[in-house]
N, C-alpha and C. Protein backbone atom coordinates (compact mmCIF):
# COMPACT_ATOMS: atom_id res chain seq x y z
N MET A 1 63.68 20.76 67.72
CA MET A 1 65.29 20.81 67.59
C MET A 1 65.81 19.35 67.20
N ALA A 2 66.69 19.41 66.42
CA ALA A 2 66.99 18.00 66.02
C ALA A 2 67.97 17.68 67.13
N ASN A 3 68.23 16.47 67.32
CA ASN A 3 69.04 15.82 68.18
C ASN A 3 70.65 15.30 67.58
N LEU A 4 71.75 15.53 68.29
CA LEU A 4 72.63 15.22 67.69
C LEU A 4 72.69 13.52 67.49
N THR A 5 73.38 12.98 66.54
CA THR A 5 73.84 11.47 66.08
C THR A 5 75.30 11.59 66.52
N ARG A 6 75.57 10.41 67.02
CA ARG A 6 76.96 9.71 67.17
C ARG A 6 77.16 8.17 66.51
N PRO A 7 77.16 8.48 64.84
CA PRO A 7 77.30 7.42 64.04
C PRO A 7 78.46 6.54 64.03
N SER A 8 79.63 7.30 64.55
CA SER A 8 80.99 6.89 64.46
C SER A 8 81.41 6.13 66.00
N GLY A 9 80.83 6.30 66.65
CA GLY A 9 81.09 6.17 68.31
C GLY A 9 82.49 6.59 68.50
N ASN A 10 82.65 7.66 68.10
CA ASN A 10 83.52 8.72 68.34
C ASN A 10 83.32 9.65 69.07
N ASN A 11 84.30 10.81 69.30
CA ASN A 11 83.80 11.91 69.60
C ASN A 11 83.32 12.94 68.27
N THR A 12 83.07 12.45 67.35
CA THR A 12 82.24 13.24 66.38
C THR A 12 81.32 13.23 66.14
N PHE A 13 79.90 14.43 66.11
CA PHE A 13 78.80 14.28 66.51
C PHE A 13 78.23 15.00 65.29
N ASP A 14 77.13 14.44 64.50
CA ASP A 14 76.76 15.08 62.98
C ASP A 14 75.51 15.80 63.49
N LEU A 15 75.69 17.04 63.31
CA LEU A 15 74.51 18.25 63.25
C LEU A 15 73.42 17.99 62.17
N PRO A 16 72.24 17.54 61.95
CA PRO A 16 71.50 17.41 60.88
C PRO A 16 71.59 18.58 59.82
N ALA A 17 71.28 18.59 58.86
CA ALA A 17 71.05 20.42 58.23
C ALA A 17 69.76 20.74 58.63
N ARG A 18 69.69 22.16 58.47
CA ARG A 18 68.89 22.77 59.08
C ARG A 18 67.45 22.63 57.32
N ASP A 19 66.16 21.77 58.17
CA ASP A 19 65.21 21.95 57.30
C ASP A 19 64.50 23.10 56.88
N GLN A 20 64.37 22.34 55.58
CA GLN A 20 63.68 23.85 54.62
C GLN A 20 62.32 24.12 55.11
N ASP A 21 61.71 23.03 55.15
CA ASP A 21 60.17 22.97 55.37
C ASP A 21 59.69 22.65 56.57
N GLY A 22 60.48 22.00 57.55
CA GLY A 22 59.80 22.16 58.74
C GLY A 22 59.82 20.38 58.75
N GLY A 23 60.31 19.43 57.57
CA GLY A 23 59.98 18.15 57.79
C GLY A 23 61.11 17.45 58.93
N SER A 24 61.75 16.22 57.87
CA SER A 24 62.26 15.32 59.00
C SER A 24 63.89 15.91 59.16
N GLY A 25 64.39 16.88 58.25
CA GLY A 25 65.58 17.23 58.46
C GLY A 25 66.59 16.57 57.60
N ASP A 26 66.50 15.98 56.63
CA ASP A 26 66.95 15.10 55.60
C ASP A 26 67.76 16.00 54.50
N ALA A 27 68.36 15.30 53.34
CA ALA A 27 68.82 16.39 52.70
C ALA A 27 68.31 16.25 51.15
N LEU A 28 66.82 15.98 51.20
CA LEU A 28 65.95 15.59 50.35
C LEU A 28 65.43 16.99 49.33
N ASP A 29 64.59 17.15 48.86
CA ASP A 29 64.14 18.42 48.17
C ASP A 29 63.06 18.67 48.94
N ASP A 30 63.50 19.49 50.23
CA ASP A 30 62.59 20.11 50.69
C ASP A 30 61.81 21.24 50.26
N LEU A 31 62.14 21.85 49.42
CA LEU A 31 61.53 22.84 48.75
C LEU A 31 60.29 22.70 47.61
N GLY A 32 60.82 21.54 47.32
CA GLY A 32 59.61 21.31 46.23
C GLY A 32 60.21 21.79 44.55
N ASP A 33 61.57 22.78 44.63
CA ASP A 33 61.88 23.10 43.55
C ASP A 33 63.09 22.46 42.78
N GLY A 34 63.47 21.34 43.17
CA GLY A 34 64.95 21.07 43.14
C GLY A 34 66.08 20.99 43.36
N SER A 35 66.03 21.98 44.48
CA SER A 35 67.15 22.58 45.24
C SER A 35 67.56 21.31 46.40
N LYS A 36 68.70 21.41 47.15
CA LYS A 36 68.93 20.30 48.15
C LYS A 36 69.36 21.27 49.29
N ALA A 37 68.97 20.64 50.65
CA ALA A 37 69.57 21.26 51.84
C ALA A 37 70.86 21.00 51.91
N PRO A 38 71.52 21.91 52.74
CA PRO A 38 73.14 21.75 52.72
C PRO A 38 73.53 20.47 53.57
N ALA A 39 74.38 20.01 53.46
CA ALA A 39 74.91 18.68 53.79
C ALA A 39 75.09 19.20 55.74
N PRO A 40 75.32 18.18 56.23
CA PRO A 40 75.04 18.13 57.82
C PRO A 40 76.51 18.75 58.28
N LEU A 41 76.41 18.78 59.49
CA LEU A 41 77.85 19.63 60.19
C LEU A 41 78.33 18.69 60.99
N GLN A 42 79.47 18.73 61.39
CA GLN A 42 80.13 17.91 61.79
C GLN A 42 80.90 18.61 63.02
N LEU A 43 80.58 18.21 64.38
CA LEU A 43 80.93 18.86 65.23
C LEU A 43 82.12 18.12 66.07
N GLN A 44 83.69 18.27 66.01
CA GLN A 44 84.56 17.48 66.79
C GLN A 44 84.74 17.49 68.15
N LEU A 45 84.64 17.11 69.29
CA LEU A 45 85.13 17.26 70.56
C LEU A 45 86.57 16.47 70.66
N PRO A 46 87.37 17.28 71.86
CA PRO A 46 88.53 16.40 72.21
C PRO A 46 88.02 14.99 73.10
N ALA A 47 88.47 14.15 72.83
CA ALA A 47 88.61 13.02 74.02
C ALA A 47 89.23 13.18 75.07
N LEU A 48 88.64 13.56 76.17
CA LEU A 48 89.21 13.41 77.63
C LEU A 48 89.57 12.41 78.50
N GLY A 49 90.48 12.36 79.35
CA GLY A 49 91.07 11.30 79.62
C GLY A 49 91.29 10.24 79.03
N GLY A 50 91.22 10.16 77.37
CA GLY A 50 91.80 9.05 76.80
C GLY A 50 93.14 8.45 76.91
N LYS A 51 93.57 7.55 75.84
CA LYS A 51 94.93 6.79 75.98
C LYS A 51 95.11 7.23 74.62
N GLY A 52 96.18 7.76 74.25
CA GLY A 52 96.67 7.98 73.06
C GLY A 52 95.98 8.63 72.14
N ARG A 53 95.91 8.85 70.86
CA ARG A 53 95.06 9.79 69.77
C ARG A 53 94.41 8.49 68.92
N GLY A 54 92.84 8.90 68.69
CA GLY A 54 91.82 8.13 68.09
C GLY A 54 91.42 9.04 67.42
N ARG A 55 90.60 8.48 66.49
CA ARG A 55 89.78 9.00 64.96
C ARG A 55 89.03 10.42 65.46
N GLY A 56 88.71 10.44 66.97
CA GLY A 56 87.47 11.33 67.70
C GLY A 56 88.15 12.43 68.53
N ALA A 57 89.71 11.85 68.67
CA ALA A 57 90.77 13.43 69.48
C ALA A 57 90.68 14.31 68.21
N GLY A 58 91.39 15.72 68.88
CA GLY A 58 91.40 16.78 68.55
C GLY A 58 90.87 17.76 68.79
N ALA A 59 91.55 18.59 68.26
CA ALA A 59 91.09 20.51 68.79
C ALA A 59 89.40 20.42 68.44
N ALA A 60 88.30 21.33 69.05
CA ALA A 60 87.24 21.45 68.60
C ALA A 60 87.19 21.95 67.43
N THR A 61 86.58 21.43 66.19
CA THR A 61 86.45 21.92 65.08
C THR A 61 85.05 21.74 64.45
N LEU A 62 84.78 22.83 63.58
CA LEU A 62 83.19 22.86 63.03
C LEU A 62 83.41 22.95 61.60
N ALA A 63 83.51 22.17 60.70
CA ALA A 63 83.20 22.04 59.55
C ALA A 63 81.96 21.25 58.82
N THR A 64 81.80 21.53 57.52
CA THR A 64 80.70 20.72 56.48
C THR A 64 81.24 19.51 56.08
N ALA A 65 80.59 18.84 56.41
CA ALA A 65 80.90 17.50 56.45
C ALA A 65 80.58 17.15 54.64
N THR A 66 82.32 16.62 54.18
CA THR A 66 81.61 16.28 52.52
C THR A 66 81.40 14.62 52.31
N SER A 67 81.69 13.92 53.42
CA SER A 67 82.08 12.62 53.44
C SER A 67 81.81 12.02 54.85
N GLY A 68 81.30 10.50 54.82
CA GLY A 68 81.28 9.88 56.33
C GLY A 68 82.59 9.91 57.29
N ALA A 69 83.81 10.36 56.81
CA ALA A 69 85.21 10.16 57.02
C ALA A 69 85.02 10.89 58.66
N GLY A 70 85.82 10.48 59.42
CA GLY A 70 86.01 11.53 60.75
C GLY A 70 86.93 12.37 60.56
N ALA A 71 86.83 13.11 61.62
CA ALA A 71 87.78 14.16 61.79
C ALA A 71 89.31 13.97 61.98
N ALA A 72 90.52 14.78 61.36
CA ALA A 72 92.00 14.06 61.67
C ALA A 72 91.83 14.30 63.20
N ALA A 73 93.00 13.66 63.23
CA ALA A 73 93.86 13.22 64.78
C ALA A 73 94.27 14.40 65.31
N GLY A 74 94.21 14.87 66.63
CA GLY A 74 94.88 16.01 67.27
C GLY A 74 95.26 15.91 68.64
N PRO A 75 95.53 17.01 69.23
CA PRO A 75 95.88 17.09 70.83
C PRO A 75 94.64 16.55 71.44
N THR A 76 95.05 15.87 72.77
CA THR A 76 94.12 15.20 73.52
C THR A 76 94.12 15.74 74.82
N SER A 77 94.37 16.87 75.13
CA SER A 77 94.36 17.49 76.60
C SER A 77 93.76 18.73 76.23
N ILE A 78 93.12 19.08 77.47
CA ILE A 78 92.80 20.41 77.80
C ILE A 78 93.66 21.73 77.39
N GLU A 79 94.96 21.60 77.99
CA GLU A 79 96.08 22.47 77.76
C GLU A 79 96.39 22.75 76.13
N ALA A 80 96.27 21.46 75.66
CA ALA A 80 96.64 21.61 74.07
C ALA A 80 95.45 22.44 73.46
N LEU A 81 94.19 22.26 73.89
CA LEU A 81 92.92 22.81 73.40
C LEU A 81 93.20 24.28 73.80
N LYS A 82 92.98 24.61 74.99
CA LYS A 82 93.48 26.02 75.56
C LYS A 82 94.37 26.55 74.69
N ALA A 83 95.77 26.31 74.61
CA ALA A 83 96.89 26.70 73.54
C ALA A 83 96.29 27.04 72.02
N SER A 84 95.25 26.19 71.31
CA SER A 84 94.67 26.22 70.13
C SER A 84 94.09 27.43 70.20
N VAL A 85 92.71 27.43 71.39
CA VAL A 85 91.97 28.46 71.16
C VAL A 85 92.79 29.48 71.18
N ALA A 86 93.87 30.17 72.30
CA ALA A 86 94.35 31.23 72.43
C ALA A 86 95.24 31.72 70.79
N GLN A 87 95.78 30.71 70.04
CA GLN A 87 96.31 30.65 68.98
C GLN A 87 95.46 30.92 67.97
N ALA A 88 94.22 30.48 67.92
CA ALA A 88 92.96 30.90 67.37
C ALA A 88 92.66 32.43 67.44
N LEU A 89 92.68 32.96 68.79
CA LEU A 89 92.56 34.37 69.31
C LEU A 89 93.55 35.27 68.90
N GLU A 90 94.65 34.78 69.13
CA GLU A 90 95.91 35.71 68.85
C GLU A 90 95.76 35.94 67.29
N GLY A 91 95.33 34.87 66.51
CA GLY A 91 95.11 35.13 64.78
C GLY A 91 94.29 36.09 64.87
N ILE A 92 93.05 35.92 65.25
CA ILE A 92 91.66 36.70 64.99
C ILE A 92 92.26 38.07 65.59
N SER A 93 92.63 38.24 66.43
CA SER A 93 93.69 39.74 67.33
C SER A 93 94.48 40.27 65.73
N THR A 94 95.15 39.53 65.22
CA THR A 94 96.00 40.07 64.21
C THR A 94 95.24 40.32 63.23
N LEU A 95 94.42 39.50 62.80
CA LEU A 95 93.74 40.08 61.67
C LEU A 95 93.14 41.32 61.77
N ILE A 96 92.43 41.48 62.69
CA ILE A 96 91.64 42.81 63.49
C ILE A 96 92.30 43.80 63.38
N ASP A 97 93.96 43.51 63.79
CA ASP A 97 94.67 44.48 63.42
C ASP A 97 95.04 44.96 62.31
N THR A 98 95.53 44.34 61.70
CA THR A 98 95.93 44.31 60.29
C THR A 98 94.75 45.49 59.32
N GLU A 99 93.75 44.50 59.68
CA GLU A 99 92.41 45.40 59.11
C GLU A 99 92.18 46.30 59.38
N TYR A 100 92.22 46.53 60.94
CA TYR A 100 92.41 48.28 61.59
C TYR A 100 93.13 49.23 60.86
N THR A 101 94.63 48.61 60.73
CA THR A 101 95.38 49.37 60.22
C THR A 101 95.40 49.68 58.54
N ASN A 102 94.46 48.79 57.98
CA ASN A 102 94.28 49.06 56.78
C ASN A 102 93.53 49.79 56.59
N GLN A 103 92.26 49.98 57.28
CA GLN A 103 91.20 50.94 57.26
C GLN A 103 91.85 52.47 57.74
N VAL A 104 92.42 52.62 58.58
CA VAL A 104 93.27 53.94 59.14
C VAL A 104 93.80 54.28 57.93
N GLY A 105 94.91 53.26 57.25
CA GLY A 105 95.78 53.95 56.35
C GLY A 105 94.81 54.33 54.89
N ARG A 106 93.62 53.37 54.67
CA ARG A 106 92.57 53.99 53.94
C ARG A 106 92.07 55.31 54.00
N ALA A 107 91.70 55.50 55.39
CA ALA A 107 90.97 56.60 55.72
C ALA A 107 92.03 57.76 55.50
N ALA A 108 93.39 57.83 56.06
CA ALA A 108 93.95 58.83 55.91
C ALA A 108 94.57 59.11 54.44
N LYS A 109 94.81 57.92 53.83
CA LYS A 109 94.78 58.49 52.29
C LYS A 109 93.64 59.34 51.61
N ALA A 110 92.29 58.99 52.22
CA ALA A 110 91.30 59.30 51.40
C ALA A 110 90.84 61.04 51.98
N GLY A 111 91.72 61.11 53.17
CA GLY A 111 91.77 62.66 53.80
C GLY A 111 93.05 63.25 53.36
N GLU A 112 94.10 62.85 53.03
CA GLU A 112 94.91 63.46 52.26
C GLU A 112 94.69 63.82 50.97
N GLU A 113 93.72 63.10 50.14
CA GLU A 113 93.36 63.10 48.57
C GLU A 113 92.39 64.15 48.96
N ARG A 114 91.65 64.06 49.91
CA ARG A 114 90.28 65.29 50.31
C ARG A 114 91.21 66.61 50.37
N ILE A 115 92.13 66.60 51.27
CA ILE A 115 92.88 68.13 51.51
C ILE A 115 93.64 68.68 50.33
N ARG A 116 94.13 67.95 49.53
CA ARG A 116 94.73 67.88 48.43
C ARG A 116 93.73 68.68 47.16
N SER A 117 92.56 68.11 47.28
CA SER A 117 91.43 68.73 46.44
C SER A 117 90.91 69.52 46.81
N LEU A 118 90.73 70.05 48.11
CA LEU A 118 90.38 71.56 49.10
C LEU A 118 91.36 72.31 48.74
N ALA A 119 92.65 72.00 48.47
CA ALA A 119 93.54 73.18 48.36
C ALA A 119 94.09 73.33 47.49
N ALA A 120 93.65 72.56 46.31
CA ALA A 120 93.65 72.86 45.01
C ALA A 120 92.50 74.04 44.27
N THR A 121 91.61 73.41 44.86
CA THR A 121 90.32 74.48 44.88
C THR A 121 90.25 75.85 45.29
N HIS A 122 90.89 75.76 46.52
CA HIS A 122 91.18 76.80 47.36
C HIS A 122 92.00 77.80 46.27
N TYR A 123 93.30 77.06 46.23
CA TYR A 123 94.23 77.65 45.25
C TYR A 123 94.02 78.63 44.09
N GLU A 124 92.63 77.51 43.37
CA GLU A 124 92.42 78.36 42.18
C GLU A 124 91.18 79.37 42.47
N GLN A 125 90.63 79.30 43.32
CA GLN A 125 89.58 80.47 43.95
C GLN A 125 90.68 81.80 44.04
N VAL A 126 91.51 81.54 44.98
CA VAL A 126 92.68 82.72 45.17
C VAL A 126 93.47 83.15 44.07
N ASN A 127 93.84 82.43 43.03
CA ASN A 127 94.27 82.59 41.88
C ASN A 127 93.36 83.56 41.07
N ASN A 128 91.93 83.32 40.91
CA ASN A 128 91.10 83.70 40.11
C ASN A 128 90.59 84.91 40.54
N ASN A 129 91.14 85.12 42.27
CA ASN A 129 90.61 86.45 42.98
C ASN A 129 91.64 87.31 42.80
N LEU A 130 92.93 86.76 42.56
CA LEU A 130 94.12 87.80 42.46
C LEU A 130 93.93 88.17 40.76
N THR A 131 93.70 87.06 39.86
CA THR A 131 93.94 87.86 38.39
C THR A 131 92.69 88.90 38.39
N ALA A 132 91.49 88.67 39.10
CA ALA A 132 90.47 89.77 38.79
C ALA A 132 90.72 90.75 39.62
N SER A 133 91.38 91.01 40.51
CA SER A 133 91.93 92.24 41.20
C SER A 133 93.31 92.80 40.25
N ARG A 134 93.83 92.04 40.24
CA ARG A 134 95.12 92.72 38.89
C ARG A 134 94.10 93.28 37.95
N ASP A 135 93.08 92.70 37.21
CA ASP A 135 92.55 93.33 36.03
C ASP A 135 91.65 94.60 36.45
N ALA A 136 90.95 94.58 38.04
CA ALA A 136 90.37 96.07 38.29
C ALA A 136 91.10 96.93 38.88
N MET A 137 92.76 96.51 38.94
CA MET A 137 93.57 97.56 39.33
C MET A 137 94.20 98.18 37.94
N GLN A 138 94.31 97.41 37.20
CA GLN A 138 94.89 97.86 35.79
C GLN A 138 93.56 98.84 35.33
N GLN A 139 92.21 98.32 35.78
CA GLN A 139 91.26 99.40 34.75
C GLN A 139 91.26 100.75 35.64
N ALA A 140 91.33 100.86 37.04
CA ALA A 140 91.57 101.63 37.43
C ALA A 140 92.83 102.57 37.22
N ARG A 141 93.81 101.97 37.19
CA ARG A 141 95.13 102.79 36.41
C ARG A 141 94.68 103.42 35.23
N ASP A 142 94.11 102.77 34.29
CA ASP A 142 94.02 103.19 33.14
C ASP A 142 92.79 104.46 33.33
N HIS A 143 91.72 104.18 34.25
CA HIS A 143 90.79 105.34 34.20
C HIS A 143 91.49 106.58 34.91
N HIS A 144 92.28 106.57 35.93
CA HIS A 144 93.30 107.47 36.41
C HIS A 144 94.02 108.23 35.40
N MET A 145 94.64 107.54 34.32
CA MET A 145 95.48 108.16 33.65
C MET A 145 94.53 108.82 32.39
N SER A 146 93.17 108.12 32.22
CA SER A 146 92.41 109.22 31.53
C SER A 146 92.01 110.17 31.92
N VAL A 147 91.74 110.14 33.32
CA VAL A 147 91.26 111.34 34.13
C VAL A 147 92.56 112.69 33.83
N LYS A 148 93.81 112.09 34.17
CA LYS A 148 94.88 113.01 34.36
C LYS A 148 94.98 113.64 33.01
N ALA A 149 94.82 112.50 31.96
CA ALA A 149 94.89 113.72 30.39
C ALA A 149 93.76 114.43 30.40
N HIS A 150 92.76 114.20 30.52
CA HIS A 150 91.58 114.67 30.37
C HIS A 150 91.78 116.63 31.34
N ILE A 151 92.11 116.08 32.45
CA ILE A 151 92.59 117.42 33.31
C ILE A 151 93.62 118.21 32.33
N LYS A 152 94.71 117.35 32.04
CA LYS A 152 95.59 118.18 31.27
C LYS A 152 95.00 118.50 30.15
N SER A 153 94.28 118.32 29.63
CA SER A 153 93.76 118.74 28.24
C SER A 153 92.96 120.25 28.46
N ILE A 154 92.15 119.76 29.77
CA ILE A 154 91.48 121.51 30.32
C ILE A 154 92.42 121.83 30.72
N ARG A 155 93.22 121.99 31.56
CA ARG A 155 94.38 122.88 31.62
C ARG A 155 94.97 123.80 30.89
N ASP A 156 95.44 122.97 29.25
CA ASP A 156 95.88 123.43 28.36
C ASP A 156 95.02 124.18 27.25
N GLU A 157 93.61 123.81 27.55
CA GLU A 157 92.61 124.68 26.73
C GLU A 157 92.43 126.11 27.67
N GLY A 158 92.54 125.83 29.21
CA GLY A 158 92.45 127.28 29.83
C GLY A 158 93.74 127.95 29.73
N ALA A 159 94.74 127.21 29.53
CA ALA A 159 95.73 128.33 29.26
C ALA A 159 95.81 129.20 27.62
N ALA A 160 95.28 128.24 26.58
CA ALA A 160 94.93 128.75 25.38
C ALA A 160 93.61 130.15 25.42
N LEU A 161 92.69 129.73 26.25
CA LEU A 161 91.64 131.11 26.37
C LEU A 161 92.23 132.31 27.39
N ALA A 162 93.09 131.74 27.96
CA ALA A 162 94.03 132.74 28.81
C ALA A 162 94.67 134.08 27.99
N ALA A 163 95.34 132.92 26.77
CA ALA A 163 96.07 133.58 25.63
C ALA A 163 95.17 134.22 25.12
N ASP A 164 94.21 133.93 24.55
CA ASP A 164 93.21 134.61 23.79
C ASP A 164 92.75 135.77 24.26
N ASN A 165 92.28 135.56 25.80
CA ASN A 165 91.93 136.81 26.25
C ASN A 165 92.64 137.79 26.47
N ARG A 166 94.09 137.79 26.90
CA ARG A 166 95.20 138.44 26.73
C ARG A 166 95.12 139.70 25.36
N GLU A 167 95.15 138.54 24.33
CA GLU A 167 95.37 139.35 22.91
C GLU A 167 94.04 140.15 22.70
N ILE A 168 93.14 139.36 23.15
CA ILE A 168 91.63 140.61 23.19
C ILE A 168 92.08 141.73 23.71
N GLN A 169 92.56 141.48 24.92
CA GLN A 169 92.35 142.60 25.82
C GLN A 169 93.40 143.23 25.34
N GLY A 170 94.17 143.26 24.91
CA GLY A 170 95.34 143.71 24.19
C GLY A 170 94.81 144.51 22.91
N ALA A 171 94.16 143.67 22.29
CA ALA A 171 93.48 144.79 20.77
C ALA A 171 92.56 145.92 21.51
N LEU A 172 91.80 145.50 22.31
CA LEU A 172 90.69 146.44 22.84
C LEU A 172 91.33 147.81 23.65
N THR A 173 92.50 147.59 24.22
CA THR A 173 93.36 148.79 24.63
C THR A 173 94.07 149.31 23.76
N ALA A 174 94.21 148.54 22.40
CA ALA A 174 94.81 149.64 21.25
C ALA A 174 93.69 150.37 20.59
N LEU A 175 92.75 149.42 20.42
CA LEU A 175 91.55 150.39 19.96
C LEU A 175 90.91 151.40 20.81
N GLN A 176 91.11 151.22 22.27
CA GLN A 176 90.54 152.36 22.81
C GLN A 176 91.44 153.49 22.69
N ALA A 177 92.64 153.05 22.77
CA ALA A 177 93.79 154.39 22.59
C ALA A 177 93.73 155.12 21.36
N ASP A 178 93.64 154.34 19.94
CA ASP A 178 93.24 154.96 18.69
C ASP A 178 91.77 155.84 18.68
N VAL A 179 90.87 155.33 19.38
CA VAL A 179 89.43 156.09 19.24
C VAL A 179 89.48 157.58 20.35
N ASP A 180 90.51 157.18 21.14
CA ASP A 180 90.90 158.31 22.17
C ASP A 180 91.72 159.33 21.25
N ASN A 181 92.53 159.15 20.78
CA ASN A 181 93.52 159.91 19.85
C ASN A 181 92.21 160.82 18.55
N ARG A 182 91.57 159.96 18.06
CA ARG A 182 90.67 160.53 17.07
C ARG A 182 89.94 161.44 17.97
N LEU A 183 89.50 161.25 18.68
CA LEU A 183 88.31 162.27 19.30
C LEU A 183 89.18 163.67 19.98
N ALA A 184 90.53 163.15 20.54
CA ALA A 184 90.85 164.02 20.62
C ALA A 184 91.49 165.14 19.58
N GLY A 185 91.82 164.61 18.36
CA GLY A 185 91.99 165.21 17.40
C GLY A 185 90.63 166.02 15.98
N ILE A 186 89.49 165.31 16.72
CA ILE A 186 88.24 166.15 16.26
C ILE A 186 88.22 167.14 17.20
N ARG A 187 88.40 167.26 18.50
CA ARG A 187 87.94 167.84 19.26
C ARG A 187 88.95 169.76 19.36
N LYS A 188 90.31 169.01 18.81
CA LYS A 188 90.90 170.21 18.51
C LYS A 188 90.73 170.71 17.09
N LYS A 189 90.41 169.97 16.50
CA LYS A 189 89.98 170.70 14.80
C LYS A 189 88.81 171.63 15.04
N PHE A 190 88.06 171.30 15.61
CA PHE A 190 86.69 171.88 15.80
C PHE A 190 86.81 172.51 16.98
N LYS A 191 87.71 172.76 18.12
CA LYS A 191 87.98 173.64 18.88
C LYS A 191 86.80 173.28 20.07
N LEU A 192 86.38 172.20 20.33
CA LEU A 192 85.10 171.81 21.17
C LEU A 192 85.67 171.82 22.66
C-alpha cells in the first residue's frame, strides 16, 4: 500500500496513482502499451488549531491533481467543516428526492400510457365483438324473415290446395248426381 506524501508542508497530501502493474506507483507506461496511469489524487484536510487561513486550510476535498499547486483556502474550524458536510448531505438528499420524483413521474407516465393502450385495445375488442354481434343478429333476423316467408308460402299453397280440393269435391258431387239421374232414367225406361 502506497504511503501518503506531504510535499508542500501544509495539510495537502498526495495519494500516489494506483499502479497498473504492481510496480513503483509512478505515472509512467506501466502496461507497456503506451498508456499512462492516472494522475495522483490530492486529499486536503482542514487545519485544526491554526491561526488565520493558510494554503492547507479548507474543507475536506478529494480531487484529481492537475498541477502541483495546493488547494484553495477555506474554513478552518470543525463547525465550518460540519456545516459544509451538512450542506453537502442536504444537496445529496435534494438530488435523491429530485431523482425519486423524476422516476415516480416517469413510472406514472408509463403506467398511464400502458392503461391507455390497454383501454384502447379493450375498446377495439369490444367494438369488434359488438359489430360481430350486430352482424349475427341481422343474420338471425334475415333467417327469421326467410322462414316466415316460407311458412306463408306453405300456407298459401295449402289454401290453394284446399280450394282445388273443394272444386274437385264439387265436380265429383255433380258427376255422382248425373250418374244417379242417368241410372234412374234407365231403370224407369226398362222398368227395372
